[in-house]
């Protein structure tokens, strides 16, 4: 999350969200993204997965 040039990481996160969206601990995800002040990114990724 701290290296914006690592787009592969975002692709991996997208794939995990798509595959496991219903079973993921969204509170834990939010807490993690909050550590990096990237809650907006998590919201965008979740919106993308929901389509």
N, C-alpha and C. Protein backbone atom coordinates (compact mmCIF):
# COMPACT_ATOMS: atom_id res chain seq x y z
N UNK A 1 0.81 -1.20 0.00
CA UNK A 1 0.00 0.00 0.00
C UNK A 1 0.86 1.27 0.00
N UNK A 2 2.08 1.18 0.47
CA UNK A 2 2.86 2.40 0.55
C UNK A 2 3.68 2.66 -0.73
N UNK A 3 3.63 1.76 -1.70
CA UNK A 3 4.38 1.97 -2.93
C UNK A 3 3.41 1.97 -4.11
N UNK A 4 3.00 3.15 -4.56
CA UNK A 4 2.00 3.24 -5.63
C UNK A 4 2.44 2.63 -6.96
N UNK A 5 3.71 2.34 -7.12
CA UNK A 5 4.18 1.74 -8.36
C UNK A 5 3.90 0.24 -8.41
N UNK A 6 3.49 -0.33 -7.30
CA UNK A 6 3.23 -1.78 -7.25
C UNK A 6 1.77 -2.06 -7.59
N UNK A 7 1.43 -1.87 -8.83
CA UNK A 7 0.04 -2.06 -9.26
C UNK A 7 -0.38 -3.52 -9.18
N UNK A 8 0.56 -4.42 -9.22
CA UNK A 8 0.22 -5.85 -9.10
C UNK A 8 -0.43 -6.12 -7.75
N UNK A 9 -0.01 -5.43 -6.72
CA UNK A 9 -0.63 -5.60 -5.40
C UNK A 9 -2.11 -5.26 -5.45
N UNK A 10 -2.45 -4.18 -6.13
CA UNK A 10 -3.86 -3.79 -6.25
C UNK A 10 -4.64 -4.82 -7.04
N UNK A 11 -4.02 -5.39 -8.07
CA UNK A 11 -4.68 -6.45 -8.83
C UNK A 11 -4.96 -7.66 -7.94
N UNK A 12 -4.01 -7.98 -7.09
CA UNK A 12 -4.19 -9.11 -6.16
C UNK A 12 -5.31 -8.82 -5.17
N UNK A 13 -5.35 -7.61 -4.65
CA UNK A 13 -6.40 -7.23 -3.70
C UNK A 13 -7.77 -7.30 -4.37
N UNK A 14 -7.85 -6.82 -5.59
CA UNK A 14 -9.11 -6.90 -6.35
C UNK A 14 -9.56 -8.35 -6.51
N UNK A 15 -8.62 -9.21 -6.88
CA UNK A 15 -8.95 -10.63 -7.09
C UNK A 15 -9.43 -11.27 -5.79
N UNK A 16 -8.77 -10.97 -4.69
CA UNK A 16 -9.18 -11.52 -3.39
C UNK A 16 -10.56 -11.01 -2.98
N UNK A 17 -10.81 -9.73 -3.21
CA UNK A 17 -12.12 -9.18 -2.88
C UNK A 17 -13.22 -9.83 -3.72
N UNK A 18 -12.94 -10.04 -4.99
CA UNK A 18 -13.94 -10.69 -5.86
C UNK A 18 -14.21 -12.12 -5.40
N UNK A 19 -13.16 -12.85 -5.11
CA UNK A 19 -13.30 -14.27 -4.78
C UNK A 19 -13.88 -14.50 -3.39
N UNK A 20 -13.63 -13.59 -2.46
CA UNK A 20 -13.99 -13.83 -1.06
C UNK A 20 -14.78 -12.69 -0.42
N UNK A 21 -15.41 -11.87 -1.24
CA UNK A 21 -16.07 -10.67 -0.72
C UNK A 21 -17.02 -10.97 0.44
N UNK A 22 -17.82 -11.99 0.31
CA UNK A 22 -18.82 -12.30 1.34
C UNK A 22 -18.21 -12.80 2.64
N UNK A 23 -17.07 -13.47 2.56
CA UNK A 23 -16.51 -14.09 3.77
C UNK A 23 -15.39 -13.28 4.42
N UNK A 24 -14.97 -12.19 3.78
CA UNK A 24 -13.89 -11.38 4.35
C UNK A 24 -14.35 -10.61 5.58
N UNK A 25 -13.43 -10.40 6.50
CA UNK A 25 -13.69 -9.60 7.69
C UNK A 25 -13.50 -8.13 7.30
N UNK A 26 -14.59 -7.48 6.92
CA UNK A 26 -14.51 -6.11 6.43
C UNK A 26 -14.05 -5.14 7.50
N UNK A 27 -14.34 -5.42 8.74
CA UNK A 27 -13.86 -4.55 9.82
C UNK A 27 -12.34 -4.60 9.91
N UNK A 28 -11.77 -5.79 9.79
CA UNK A 28 -10.32 -5.94 9.81
C UNK A 28 -9.68 -5.25 8.61
N UNK A 29 -10.31 -5.39 7.45
CA UNK A 29 -9.80 -4.72 6.25
C UNK A 29 -9.80 -3.20 6.43
N UNK A 30 -10.89 -2.69 6.96
CA UNK A 30 -10.99 -1.24 7.17
C UNK A 30 -9.91 -0.78 8.14
N UNK A 31 -9.70 -1.53 9.20
CA UNK A 31 -8.66 -1.18 10.17
C UNK A 31 -7.29 -1.15 9.52
N UNK A 32 -7.00 -2.14 8.68
CA UNK A 32 -5.72 -2.20 8.00
C UNK A 32 -5.54 -1.02 7.04
N UNK A 33 -6.54 -0.75 6.22
CA UNK A 33 -6.44 0.36 5.27
C UNK A 33 -6.36 1.70 6.01
N UNK A 34 -6.99 1.79 7.17
CA UNK A 34 -6.93 3.02 7.97
C UNK A 34 -5.50 3.29 8.43
N UNK A 35 -4.74 2.23 8.72
CA UNK A 35 -3.34 2.41 9.14
C UNK A 35 -2.54 3.20 8.11
N UNK A 36 -2.88 3.02 6.85
CA UNK A 36 -2.17 3.69 5.77
C UNK A 36 -2.95 4.88 5.22
N UNK A 37 -4.02 5.24 5.93
CA UNK A 37 -4.87 6.36 5.51
C UNK A 37 -5.38 6.16 4.08
N UNK A 38 -5.83 4.92 3.79
CA UNK A 38 -6.30 4.58 2.45
C UNK A 38 -7.71 3.98 2.48
N UNK A 39 -8.52 4.41 3.43
CA UNK A 39 -9.89 3.91 3.51
C UNK A 39 -10.67 4.22 2.23
N UNK A 40 -10.36 5.35 1.61
CA UNK A 40 -11.02 5.71 0.37
C UNK A 40 -10.73 4.70 -0.73
N UNK A 41 -9.51 4.19 -0.76
CA UNK A 41 -9.15 3.17 -1.74
C UNK A 41 -9.93 1.89 -1.49
N UNK A 42 -10.04 1.47 -0.24
CA UNK A 42 -10.81 0.27 0.08
C UNK A 42 -12.25 0.43 -0.36
N UNK A 43 -12.85 1.55 -0.08
CA UNK A 43 -14.24 1.80 -0.49
C UNK A 43 -14.38 1.70 -2.01
N UNK A 44 -13.42 2.28 -2.72
CA UNK A 44 -13.46 2.23 -4.19
C UNK A 44 -13.31 0.81 -4.69
N UNK A 45 -12.45 0.04 -4.08
CA UNK A 45 -12.24 -1.35 -4.50
C UNK A 45 -13.50 -2.19 -4.22
N UNK A 46 -14.11 -1.97 -3.07
CA UNK A 46 -15.34 -2.71 -2.74
C UNK A 46 -16.46 -2.33 -3.70
N UNK A 47 -16.58 -1.05 -4.00
CA UNK A 47 -17.60 -0.61 -4.98
C UNK A 47 -17.35 -1.25 -6.34
N UNK A 48 -16.11 -1.33 -6.72
CA UNK A 48 -15.73 -1.95 -8.00
C UNK A 48 -16.15 -3.43 -8.03
N UNK A 49 -15.93 -4.12 -6.94
CA UNK A 49 -16.26 -5.55 -6.85
C UNK A 49 -17.78 -5.75 -6.89
N UNK A 50 -18.49 -4.88 -6.22
CA UNK A 50 -19.96 -4.99 -6.18
C UNK A 50 -20.57 -4.70 -7.55
N UNK A 51 -19.84 -3.93 -8.35
CA UNK A 51 -20.28 -3.64 -9.71
C UNK A 51 -21.42 -2.77 -9.77
